Amino acid sequence: MCNAKKTETIMILRKVTFEDWKILLDWRNDIETRKNSHNMELVVEENHKKWLNSILTNENRQLFIALENEIPVGTVRADFDKQNIEYELSWTISPDFRGKGIGKIMVKILADRLQAKIRAEIKKGNIASVRIAEYAGMTFKKEENQVLHYSNY
């Protein structure tokens, strides 16, 4: 009889730094990620670095890397809309960790941390992201141009 001990997984969100550019670019250019993004084009390194710099200096944007047992497993972003006093959330799961419930946990952690109105735009057919949005407390509101709109209000 084996007495294997189940290890507890611990997920944390840490703020992205510029040094994270490579892993973020790899995840962004993954074929499944691109298929479910509004912009499906490959992103070149120079443009990605400019984008990341703009994110890191924008006080209305928060970008986090999700770490599970200190291993990067995904990223989640909150963009604050001052006019509507709400956050738009977006996320990407590392290709190596898809289908394991990672997205649900990391987006819920951020949603709970924000304690605010949140919303997400999800391409029609992206069932995994629909489940993530619902787990984080958002419900379907409308569909426009093949994009599903979810929010917690």
C-alpha atoms as a PDB file:
ATOM      1  CA  MET A   1       0.000   0.000   0.000  1.00  0.00           C
ATOM      2  CA  CYS A   2       1.358   3.390  -0.979  1.00  0.00           C
ATOM      3  CA  ASN A   3       0.911   6.396   1.247  1.00  0.00           C
ATOM      4  CA  ALA A   4       1.332   9.072  -1.415  1.00  0.00           C
ATOM      5  CA  LYS A   5       0.728  12.531  -0.077  1.00  0.00           C
ATOM      6  CA  LYS A   6      -1.241  14.866  -2.315  1.00  0.00           C
ATOM      7  CA  THR A   7       0.648  18.101  -2.743  1.00  0.00           C
ATOM      8  CA  GLU A   8      -1.338  21.282  -2.308  1.00  0.00           C
ATOM      9  CA  THR A   9      -1.099  23.739  -5.150  1.00  0.00           C
ATOM     10  CA  ILE A  10      -0.768  27.402  -4.352  1.00  0.00           C
ATOM     11  CA  MET A  11      -1.490  30.044  -6.944  1.00  0.00           C
ATOM     12  CA  ILE A  12      -0.399  33.638  -6.628  1.00  0.00           C
ATOM     13  CA  LEU A  13      -0.619  36.597  -8.971  1.00  0.00           C
ATOM     14  CA  ARG A  14       2.478  38.732  -9.242  1.00  0.00           C
ATOM     15  CA  LYS A  15       2.849  41.924 -11.216  1.00  0.00           C
ATOM     16  CA  VAL A  16       4.526  41.489 -14.578  1.00  0.00           C
ATOM     17  CA  THR A  17       7.944  43.038 -15.070  1.00  0.00           C
ATOM     18  CA  PHE A  18       9.680  43.832 -18.335  1.00  0.00           C
ATOM     19  CA  GLU A  19      11.806  40.705 -17.830  1.00  0.00           C
ATOM     20  CA  ASP A  20       8.651  38.633 -18.460  1.00  0.00           C
ATOM     21  CA  TRP A  21       8.453  39.798 -22.084  1.00  0.00           C
ATOM     22  CA  LYS A  22       9.649  36.517 -23.625  1.00  0.00           C
ATOM     23  CA  ILE A  23       7.187  34.182 -21.917  1.00  0.00           C
ATOM     24  CA  LEU A  24       4.325  36.607 -22.552  1.00  0.00           C
ATOM     25  CA  LEU A  25       5.248  36.821 -26.239  1.00  0.00           C
ATOM     26  CA  ASP A  26       5.473  33.030 -26.523  1.00  0.00           C
ATOM     27  CA  TRP A  27       2.029  32.632 -24.954  1.00  0.00           C
ATOM     28  CA  ARG A  28       0.583  35.447 -27.104  1.00  0.00           C
ATOM     29  CA  ASN A  29       1.874  33.913 -30.342  1.00  0.00           C
ATOM     30  CA  ASP A  30       0.624  30.415 -29.524  1.00  0.00           C
ATOM     31  CA  ILE A  31      -1.798  29.305 -32.254  1.00  0.00           C
ATOM     32  CA  GLU A  32      -4.708  28.619 -29.837  1.00  0.00           C
ATOM     33  CA  THR A  33      -4.215  31.962 -28.107  1.00  0.00           C
ATOM     34  CA  ARG A  34      -4.233  33.780 -31.443  1.00  0.00           C
ATOM     35  CA  LYS A  35      -7.322  31.878 -32.584  1.00  0.00           C
ATOM     36  CA  ASN A  36      -9.223  33.201 -29.551  1.00  0.00           C
ATOM     37  CA  SER A  37      -7.836  36.760 -29.659  1.00  0.00           C
ATOM     38  CA  HIS A  38      -9.419  39.786 -31.304  1.00  0.00           C
ATOM     39  CA  ASN A  39      -6.112  40.264 -33.159  1.00  0.00           C
ATOM     40  CA  MET A  40      -5.006  36.912 -34.566  1.00  0.00           C
ATOM     41  CA  GLU A  41      -1.765  38.110 -36.178  1.00  0.00           C
ATOM     42  CA  LEU A  42       1.671  37.020 -34.980  1.00  0.00           C
ATOM     43  CA  VAL A  43       3.272  39.704 -32.831  1.00  0.00           C
ATOM     44  CA  VAL A  44       6.922  40.539 -33.493  1.00  0.00           C
ATOM     45  CA  GLU A  45       9.361  41.031 -30.619  1.00  0.00           C
ATOM     46  CA  GLU A  46       9.855  44.772 -31.131  1.00  0.00           C
ATOM     47  CA  ASN A  47       6.106  45.500 -31.132  1.00  0.00           C
ATOM     48  CA  HIS A  48       5.549  43.242 -28.149  1.00  0.00           C
ATOM     49  CA  LYS A  49       8.214  45.034 -26.116  1.00  0.00           C
ATOM     50  CA  LYS A  50       6.664  48.426 -26.976  1.00  0.00           C
ATOM     51  CA  TRP A  51       3.241  47.100 -25.941  1.00  0.00           C
ATOM     52  CA  LEU A  52       4.607  45.736 -22.671  1.00  0.00           C
ATOM     53  CA  ASN A  53       6.326  49.039 -21.858  1.00  0.00           C
ATOM     54  CA  SER A  54       3.044  50.860 -22.470  1.00  0.00           C
ATOM     55  CA  ILE A  55       1.221  48.448 -20.141  1.00  0.00           C
ATOM     56  CA  LEU A  56       3.793  48.785 -17.373  1.00  0.00           C
ATOM     57  CA  THR A  57       3.609  52.590 -17.425  1.00  0.00           C
ATOM     58  CA  ASN A  58      -0.195  52.855 -17.650  1.00  0.00           C
ATOM     59  CA  GLU A  59      -1.754  53.435 -14.238  1.00  0.00           C
ATOM     60  CA  ASN A  60      -5.113  52.153 -15.513  1.00  0.00           C
ATOM     61  CA  ARG A  61      -3.779  48.735 -16.508  1.00  0.00           C
ATOM     62  CA  GLN A  62      -2.728  45.909 -14.230  1.00  0.00           C
ATOM     63  CA  LEU A  63      -0.966  42.882 -15.686  1.00  0.00           C
ATOM     64  CA  PHE A  64      -0.179  39.802 -13.649  1.00  0.00           C
ATOM     65  CA  ILE A  65       1.537  36.464 -14.154  1.00  0.00           C
ATOM     66  CA  ALA A  66      -0.180  33.596 -12.390  1.00  0.00           C
ATOM     67  CA  LEU A  67       2.273  31.309 -10.625  1.00  0.00           C
ATOM     68  CA  GLU A  68       1.256  27.885  -9.417  1.00  0.00           C
ATOM     69  CA  ASN A  69       3.870  26.495  -7.058  1.00  0.00           C
ATOM     70  CA  GLU A  70       6.212  29.173  -8.468  1.00  0.00           C
ATOM     71  CA  ILE A  71       5.715  28.012 -12.091  1.00  0.00           C
ATOM     72  CA  PRO A  72       4.275  30.567 -14.589  1.00  0.00           C
ATOM     73  CA  VAL A  73       0.933  29.175 -15.787  1.00  0.00           C
ATOM     74  CA  GLY A  74      -0.895  32.156 -17.261  1.00  0.00           C
ATOM     75  CA  THR A  75      -1.475  35.861 -17.352  1.00  0.00           C
ATOM     76  CA  VAL A  76      -4.453  38.032 -16.493  1.00  0.00           C
ATOM     77  CA  ARG A  77      -4.966  41.728 -17.148  1.00  0.00           C
ATOM     78  CA  ALA A  78      -7.372  44.316 -15.746  1.00  0.00           C
ATOM     79  CA  ASP A  79      -7.948  47.506 -17.734  1.00  0.00           C
ATOM     80  CA  PHE A  80      -9.732  50.210 -15.750  1.00  0.00           C
ATOM     81  CA  ASP A  81     -12.346  52.208 -17.641  1.00  0.00           C
ATOM     82  CA  LYS A  82     -12.641  55.539 -15.789  1.00  0.00           C
ATOM     83  CA  GLN A  83     -15.767  56.561 -17.663  1.00  0.00           C
ATOM     84  CA  ASN A  84     -17.781  53.475 -16.687  1.00  0.00           C
ATOM     85  CA  ILE A  85     -15.902  52.774 -13.436  1.00  0.00           C
ATOM     86  CA  GLU A  86     -15.307  49.142 -14.351  1.00  0.00           C
ATOM     87  CA  TYR A  87     -12.499  46.760 -15.265  1.00  0.00           C
ATOM     88  CA  GLU A  88     -12.241  44.783 -18.467  1.00  0.00           C
ATOM     89  CA  LEU A  89     -10.472  41.490 -17.800  1.00  0.00           C
ATOM     90  CA  SER A  90      -8.510  39.452 -20.303  1.00  0.00           C
ATOM     91  CA  TRP A  91      -6.397  36.348 -19.839  1.00  0.00           C
ATOM     92  CA  THR A  92      -4.137  33.786 -21.450  1.00  0.00           C
ATOM     93  CA  ILE A  93      -3.285  30.330 -20.178  1.00  0.00           C
ATOM     94  CA  SER A  94       0.119  28.813 -20.857  1.00  0.00           C
ATOM     95  CA  PRO A  95      -0.274  26.179 -23.584  1.00  0.00           C
ATOM     96  CA  ASP A  96       1.321  23.673 -21.174  1.00  0.00           C
ATOM     97  CA  PHE A  97      -1.385  24.206 -18.549  1.00  0.00           C
ATOM     98  CA  ARG A  98      -4.643  24.421 -20.497  1.00  0.00           C
ATOM     99  CA  GLY A  99      -7.563  22.269 -19.434  1.00  0.00           C
ATOM    100  CA  LYS A 100      -6.467  22.105 -15.784  1.00  0.00           C
ATOM    101  CA  GLY A 101      -8.724  24.818 -14.289  1.00  0.00           C
ATOM    102  CA  ILE A 102      -5.872  27.349 -14.113  1.00  0.00           C
ATOM    103  CA  GLY A 103      -7.827  30.108 -15.871  1.00  0.00           C
ATOM    104  CA  LYS A 104     -10.786  29.849 -13.535  1.00  0.00           C
ATOM    105  CA  ILE A 105      -8.611  30.205 -10.474  1.00  0.00           C
ATOM    106  CA  MET A 106      -6.421  33.082 -11.666  1.00  0.00           C
ATOM    107  CA  VAL A 107      -9.309  35.177 -13.018  1.00  0.00           C
ATOM    108  CA  LYS A 108     -11.358  34.567  -9.859  1.00  0.00           C
ATOM    109  CA  ILE A 109      -8.411  35.639  -7.693  1.00  0.00           C
ATOM    110  CA  LEU A 110      -8.160  38.914  -9.616  1.00  0.00           C
ATOM    111  CA  ALA A 111     -11.926  39.484  -9.686  1.00  0.00           C
ATOM    112  CA  ASP A 112     -12.104  38.963  -5.909  1.00  0.00           C
ATOM    113  CA  ARG A 113      -9.129  41.264  -5.391  1.00  0.00           C
ATOM    114  CA  LEU A 114     -10.673  44.066  -7.479  1.00  0.00           C
ATOM    115  CA  GLN A 115     -14.065  43.981  -5.738  1.00  0.00           C
ATOM    116  CA  ALA A 116     -15.507  46.073  -8.566  1.00  0.00           C
ATOM    117  CA  LYS A 117     -17.605  45.913 -11.699  1.00  0.00           C
ATOM    118  CA  ILE A 118     -15.857  43.618 -14.171  1.00  0.00           C
ATOM    119  CA  ARG A 119     -16.512  42.598 -17.736  1.00  0.00           C
ATOM    120  CA  ALA A 120     -14.952  40.495 -20.481  1.00  0.00           C
ATOM    121  CA  GLU A 121     -15.292  40.168 -24.242  1.00  0.00           C
ATOM    122  CA  ILE A 122     -15.004  36.591 -25.492  1.00  0.00           C
ATOM    123  CA  LYS A 123     -14.956  35.377 -29.068  1.00  0.00           C
ATOM    124  CA  LYS A 124     -17.956  33.219 -29.866  1.00  0.00           C
ATOM    125  CA  GLY A 125     -16.999  29.553 -29.642  1.00  0.00           C
ATOM    126  CA  ASN A 126     -14.354  30.028 -26.941  1.00  0.00           C
ATOM    127  CA  ILE A 127     -16.093  27.747 -24.438  1.00  0.00           C
ATOM    128  CA  ALA A 128     -13.112  27.630 -22.047  1.00  0.00           C
ATOM    129  CA  SER A 129     -13.141  31.416 -21.604  1.00  0.00           C
ATOM    130  CA  VAL A 130     -16.924  31.432 -21.165  1.00  0.00           C
ATOM    131  CA  ARG A 131     -16.497  28.979 -18.268  1.00  0.00           C
ATOM    132  CA  ILE A 132     -13.708  31.131 -16.800  1.00  0.00           C
ATOM    133  CA  ALA A 133     -15.873  34.277 -16.952  1.00  0.00           C
ATOM    134  CA  GLU A 134     -18.810  32.488 -15.338  1.00  0.00           C
ATOM    135  CA  TYR A 135     -16.600  31.049 -12.590  1.00  0.00           C
ATOM    136  CA  ALA A 136     -15.361  34.580 -11.844  1.00  0.00           C
ATOM    137  CA  GLY A 137     -18.970  35.718 -11.333  1.00  0.00           C
ATOM    138  CA  MET A 138     -19.813  37.134 -14.747  1.00  0.00           C
ATOM    139  CA  THR A 139     -22.931  36.346 -16.744  1.00  0.00           C
ATOM    140  CA  PHE A 140     -23.721  36.610 -20.445  1.00  0.00           C
ATOM    141  CA  LYS A 141     -25.175  39.991 -21.419  1.00  0.00           C
ATOM    142  CA  LYS A 142     -25.166  40.179 -25.225  1.00  0.00           C
ATOM    143  CA  GLU A 143     -23.517  39.111 -28.466  1.00  0.00           C
ATOM    144  CA  GLU A 144     -22.206  41.586 -31.032  1.00  0.00           C
ATOM    145  CA  ASN A 145     -20.190  40.744 -34.147  1.00  0.00           C
ATOM    146  CA  GLN A 146     -19.304  37.227 -32.955  1.00  0.00           C
ATOM    147  CA  VAL A 147     -18.155  38.589 -29.562  1.00  0.00           C
ATOM    148  CA  LEU A 148     -19.862  37.548 -26.326  1.00  0.00           C
ATOM    149  CA  HIS A 149     -20.085  40.204 -23.622  1.00  0.00           C
ATOM    150  CA  TYR A 150     -19.981  39.082 -19.992  1.00  0.00           C
ATOM    151  CA  SER A 151     -20.108  41.132 -16.794  1.00  0.00           C
ATOM    152  CA  ASN A 152     -20.849  40.848 -13.085  1.00  0.00           C
ATOM    153  CA  TYR A 153     -23.441  43.653 -13.151  1.00  0.00           C
END
